[in-house]
């Protein structure tokens, strides 16, 4: 059965009307709706904007130290929530159904538990591999100067960061999983999109060097597969959130500044 009522195709080439799923009817073809075309233009423009600001901020932090933790900047937090609302509007503009975008919650408790387990596994994996990298090569997934900026100094700092991370992670999951994988699934296979988007996620960390890009790309691909497996953005959101928060808590507990890695492009 069709997953949505949107037909997709262009005059010179044809694209499937619906997302291919096991057991689905053969796809049909129709001209691309104008609203979906607008969606494509805007979502790519938004991705380019976030990529530019992320890389520019990372380069700026090499030579300038803000007086406060950048994750706790009130103006940035407000902007992130506005962008979250904008992403929700883009999803509605696309004309795709909630299942395709990952906005359905068929089993929220299970998705939350799966996401929490995946996030904990990611956090411990990156923490352990960073320790190994430091011992063998001296390299890290994150520069020491960046960790010093975002690391919590107290339980109060950690609690404030935990609240701020909700907007950070939700924005990234809506864009990189919901809109760029689910939203583009009528145009390309979802598994291919998960890998390509994950690699693009890693490229956003180019100022952090090869290991930073590799770690972020790996995390991005894992989160993409989690999105496809659970058919919901909830599981990768929880995984992403838990992974970042656990890593920050481990830094605070051990009083270290360079012994961790992360997978958040905003944090990077």
Protein backbone atom coordinates (compact mmCIF):
# COMPACT_ATOMS: atom_id res chain seq x y z
CA UNK A 1 0.00 0.00 0.00
CA UNK A 2 1.27 3.54 -0.64
CA UNK A 3 2.94 5.14 2.38
CA UNK A 4 1.82 8.58 1.33
CA UNK A 5 -0.31 10.22 -1.30
CA UNK A 6 2.61 11.95 -2.97
CA UNK A 7 3.69 11.03 -6.46
CA UNK A 8 7.27 11.86 -7.41
CA UNK A 9 8.97 12.23 -10.76
CA UNK A 10 10.45 14.78 -13.17
CA UNK A 11 10.06 15.20 -16.91
CA UNK A 12 13.50 13.80 -17.78
CA UNK A 13 13.60 11.07 -15.15
CA UNK A 14 11.19 9.21 -12.93
CA UNK A 15 11.33 8.60 -9.18
CA UNK A 16 9.19 6.23 -7.10
CA UNK A 17 5.93 7.60 -5.86
CA UNK A 18 6.34 6.06 -2.42
CA UNK A 19 9.08 4.71 -0.19
CA UNK A 20 9.90 1.10 -1.04
CA UNK A 21 9.11 -1.28 1.81
CA UNK A 22 9.05 -5.08 1.93
CA UNK A 23 5.74 -6.36 0.64
CA UNK A 24 4.73 -3.01 -0.85
CA UNK A 25 3.00 -2.71 -4.20
CA UNK A 26 5.22 -1.77 -7.18
CA UNK A 27 5.85 1.99 -7.13
CA UNK A 28 3.93 4.24 -9.47
CA UNK A 29 5.08 7.50 -11.00
CA UNK A 30 3.75 11.04 -11.21
CA UNK A 31 5.09 14.61 -11.45
CA UNK A 32 6.92 15.83 -8.36
CA UNK A 33 4.56 17.93 -6.19
CA UNK A 34 5.56 21.56 -5.81
CA UNK A 35 5.44 21.37 -2.02
CA UNK A 36 7.98 18.51 -2.03
CA UNK A 37 10.24 20.46 -4.36
CA UNK A 38 10.11 23.42 -1.96
CA UNK A 39 10.89 21.02 0.87
CA UNK A 40 14.01 19.77 -0.92
CA UNK A 41 15.32 23.27 -1.62
CA UNK A 42 14.74 24.48 1.94
CA UNK A 43 16.10 21.39 3.69
CA UNK A 44 19.33 21.50 1.68
CA UNK A 45 19.65 25.23 2.37
CA UNK A 46 19.12 24.62 6.10
CA UNK A 47 21.70 21.83 6.08
CA UNK A 48 24.22 24.09 4.36
CA UNK A 49 23.53 26.87 6.88
CA UNK A 50 24.02 24.59 9.88
CA UNK A 51 27.14 23.05 8.32
CA UNK A 52 28.65 26.49 7.73
CA UNK A 53 27.89 27.79 11.23
CA UNK A 54 29.13 24.57 12.85
CA UNK A 55 32.48 24.59 11.04
CA UNK A 56 32.89 28.36 11.46
CA UNK A 57 32.22 28.09 15.20
CA UNK A 58 34.70 25.23 15.58
CA UNK A 59 37.39 27.25 13.79
CA UNK A 60 36.63 30.32 15.90
CA UNK A 61 36.98 28.37 19.15
CA UNK A 62 40.55 27.53 18.19
CA UNK A 63 41.59 31.13 18.80
CA UNK A 64 38.82 32.56 21.01
CA UNK A 65 37.47 31.38 24.33
CA UNK A 66 33.94 32.47 25.28
CA UNK A 67 33.49 33.52 28.92
CA UNK A 68 30.85 30.84 29.54
CA UNK A 69 30.06 27.30 28.43
CA UNK A 70 28.79 27.64 24.81
CA UNK A 71 26.17 24.95 25.43
CA UNK A 72 24.52 27.21 28.01
CA UNK A 73 24.25 30.32 25.85
CA UNK A 74 20.62 31.44 26.15
CA UNK A 75 20.43 33.04 22.70
CA UNK A 76 21.79 29.90 21.06
CA UNK A 77 19.30 27.75 22.94
CA UNK A 78 16.39 29.92 21.78
CA UNK A 79 17.67 29.72 18.19
CA UNK A 80 17.88 25.93 18.41
CA UNK A 81 14.28 25.66 19.59
CA UNK A 82 13.18 27.93 16.74
CA UNK A 83 15.04 25.68 14.31
CA UNK A 84 13.37 22.63 15.87
CA UNK A 85 9.99 24.21 15.13
CA UNK A 86 11.20 25.05 11.62
CA UNK A 87 12.20 21.42 11.02
CA UNK A 88 8.75 20.27 12.13
CA UNK A 89 7.25 22.72 9.66
CA UNK A 90 9.51 21.38 6.91
CA UNK A 91 8.35 17.86 7.64
CA UNK A 92 4.74 18.97 7.28
CA UNK A 93 5.60 20.79 4.05
CA UNK A 94 7.07 17.62 2.54
CA UNK A 95 3.68 15.92 2.45
CA UNK A 96 5.21 12.66 3.72
CA UNK A 97 3.46 10.64 6.40
CA UNK A 98 4.61 10.44 10.03
CA UNK A 99 5.92 6.89 9.63
CA UNK A 100 8.25 7.91 6.80
CA UNK A 101 9.54 10.90 8.78
CA UNK A 102 9.98 8.82 11.92
CA UNK A 103 7.42 10.83 13.88
CA UNK A 104 5.29 7.84 14.83
CA UNK A 105 5.66 6.19 18.24
CA UNK A 106 4.43 2.60 17.85
CA UNK A 107 6.29 1.43 20.98
CA UNK A 108 7.73 4.45 22.84
CA UNK A 109 8.89 2.50 25.90
CA UNK A 110 10.79 -0.02 23.77
CA UNK A 111 12.26 2.71 21.56
CA UNK A 112 13.41 4.63 24.63
CA UNK A 113 15.08 1.57 26.16
CA UNK A 114 16.75 0.62 22.87
CA UNK A 115 17.97 4.19 22.43
CA UNK A 116 19.30 4.39 25.98
CA UNK A 117 21.19 1.11 25.59
CA UNK A 118 22.64 2.20 22.23
CA UNK A 119 23.62 5.59 23.65
CA UNK A 120 25.37 4.05 26.63
CA UNK A 121 27.22 1.65 24.34
CA UNK A 122 28.30 4.52 22.07
CA UNK A 123 29.50 6.60 25.01
CA UNK A 124 31.57 3.78 26.49
CA UNK A 125 32.93 2.81 23.07
CA UNK A 126 34.14 6.33 22.29
CA UNK A 127 35.49 6.82 25.79
CA UNK A 128 37.47 3.57 25.65
CA UNK A 129 38.73 4.11 22.09
CA UNK A 130 39.82 7.66 22.91
CA UNK A 131 41.86 6.36 25.85
CA UNK A 132 43.43 3.83 23.49
CA UNK A 133 44.12 6.53 20.88
CA UNK A 134 45.77 8.80 23.43
CA UNK A 135 48.06 5.99 24.59
CA UNK A 136 48.98 4.80 21.10
CA UNK A 137 49.00 7.96 18.97
CA UNK A 138 48.31 10.95 21.20
CA UNK A 139 45.26 11.75 19.05
CA UNK A 140 41.74 12.42 20.34
CA UNK A 141 38.26 12.57 18.85
CA UNK A 142 37.87 16.04 20.39
CA UNK A 143 40.53 18.72 20.97
CA UNK A 144 41.42 19.32 24.62
CA UNK A 145 40.55 23.02 24.32
CA UNK A 146 37.01 22.19 23.22
CA UNK A 147 36.47 19.71 26.05
CA UNK A 148 37.63 22.36 28.52
CA UNK A 149 34.92 24.70 27.19
CA UNK A 150 31.95 22.32 27.42
CA UNK A 151 32.90 20.07 30.34
CA UNK A 152 30.70 20.53 33.44
CA UNK A 153 32.51 21.68 36.57
CA UNK A 154 29.82 20.65 39.06
CA UNK A 155 26.56 18.72 39.35
CA UNK A 156 24.70 22.00 38.83
CA UNK A 157 26.58 22.56 35.56
CA UNK A 158 25.78 19.00 34.50
CA UNK A 159 22.07 19.50 35.23
CA UNK A 160 21.98 22.73 33.21
CA UNK A 161 23.82 21.09 30.33
CA UNK A 162 21.42 18.14 30.45
CA UNK A 163 18.53 20.55 29.85
CA UNK A 164 20.36 22.47 27.11
CA UNK A 165 21.28 19.23 25.31
CA UNK A 166 17.62 18.46 24.64
CA UNK A 167 17.41 21.21 22.02
CA UNK A 168 20.89 20.44 20.66
CA UNK A 169 20.17 16.76 20.08
CA UNK A 170 16.55 17.15 18.98
CA UNK A 171 17.57 19.62 16.26
CA UNK A 172 20.25 17.30 14.93
CA UNK A 173 18.02 14.23 14.93
CA UNK A 174 15.15 16.03 13.20
CA UNK A 175 17.50 17.30 10.49
CA UNK A 176 19.95 14.44 9.98
CA UNK A 177 17.63 11.51 10.60
CA UNK A 178 14.02 12.64 10.06
CA UNK A 179 14.43 15.09 7.16
CA UNK A 180 17.61 13.91 5.43
CA UNK A 181 16.89 10.17 5.68
CA UNK A 182 13.13 9.89 6.02
CA UNK A 183 12.44 13.03 4.00
CA UNK A 184 14.66 11.96 1.10
CA UNK A 185 13.62 8.29 1.14
CA UNK A 186 11.29 8.72 -1.88
CA UNK A 187 14.40 9.62 -3.91
CA UNK A 188 16.96 7.03 -2.78
CA UNK A 189 17.23 3.79 -0.77
CA UNK A 190 17.09 4.44 2.96
CA UNK A 191 20.21 2.40 3.75
CA UNK A 192 22.21 4.44 1.24
CA UNK A 193 20.87 7.65 2.75
CA UNK A 194 21.81 6.51 6.26
CA UNK A 195 25.41 5.93 5.19
CA UNK A 196 25.72 9.11 3.11
CA UNK A 197 24.13 11.31 5.77
CA UNK A 198 26.31 9.70 8.45
CA UNK A 199 29.44 10.47 6.43
CA UNK A 200 28.24 14.05 5.89
CA UNK A 201 27.72 14.25 9.66
CA UNK A 202 31.39 13.31 10.03
CA UNK A 203 32.53 15.95 7.54
CA UNK A 204 31.01 18.63 9.77
CA UNK A 205 33.73 17.72 12.26
CA UNK A 206 36.57 18.44 9.81
CA UNK A 207 38.11 21.11 12.10
CA UNK A 208 38.70 18.30 14.63
CA UNK A 209 40.91 16.35 12.27
CA UNK A 210 40.73 12.85 10.84
CA UNK A 211 39.84 11.05 14.07
CA UNK A 212 37.12 13.56 14.90
CA UNK A 213 35.54 13.08 11.48
CA UNK A 214 35.82 9.29 11.69
CA UNK A 215 34.20 9.14 15.12
CA UNK A 216 31.35 11.47 14.16
CA UNK A 217 30.72 9.60 10.90
CA UNK A 218 30.58 6.26 12.71
CA UNK A 219 28.14 7.66 15.26
CA UNK A 220 26.06 9.23 12.49
CA UNK A 221 25.77 5.93 10.61
CA UNK A 222 24.84 4.06 13.79
CA UNK A 223 22.13 6.60 14.60
CA UNK A 224 20.87 6.39 11.02
CA UNK A 225 20.56 2.60 11.20
CA UNK A 226 18.82 2.95 14.56
CA UNK A 227 16.34 5.34 12.95
CA UNK A 228 15.57 2.83 10.20
CA UNK A 229 15.39 -0.13 12.57
CA UNK A 230 12.92 1.51 14.96
CA UNK A 231 11.05 3.54 12.31
CA UNK A 232 11.11 6.48 14.71
CA UNK A 233 13.31 9.46 15.56
CA UNK A 234 12.77 8.75 19.28
CA UNK A 235 15.34 5.93 19.50
CA UNK A 236 18.25 7.84 17.87
CA UNK A 237 17.30 10.96 19.86
CA UNK A 238 17.58 9.07 23.14
CA UNK A 239 20.79 7.34 22.01
CA UNK A 240 22.38 10.62 20.92
CA UNK A 241 21.33 12.37 24.13
CA UNK A 242 22.51 9.60 26.44
CA UNK A 243 25.83 9.25 24.60
CA UNK A 244 26.67 12.93 24.94
CA UNK A 245 25.49 13.25 28.54
CA UNK A 246 27.32 10.12 29.73
CA UNK A 247 30.56 11.30 28.13
CA UNK A 248 30.29 14.70 29.79
CA UNK A 249 29.52 13.06 33.13
CA UNK A 250 32.57 10.81 32.77
CA UNK A 251 34.78 13.83 32.08
CA UNK A 252 33.48 15.60 35.17
CA UNK A 253 33.87 12.49 37.33
CA UNK A 254 37.48 11.89 36.33
CA UNK A 255 38.39 15.55 36.11
CA UNK A 256 39.88 15.08 32.65
CA UNK A 257 39.77 17.34 29.62
CA UNK A 258 40.70 15.17 26.67
CA UNK A 259 39.58 11.65 27.39
CA UNK A 260 36.31 11.54 25.50
CA UNK A 261 34.63 11.79 22.19
CA UNK A 262 31.25 12.90 21.02
CA UNK A 263 28.84 12.73 18.13
CA UNK A 264 26.97 16.01 18.22
CA UNK A 265 27.65 18.37 15.33
CA UNK A 266 26.47 21.32 17.39
CA UNK A 267 28.83 20.31 20.17
CA UNK A 268 31.58 19.84 17.61
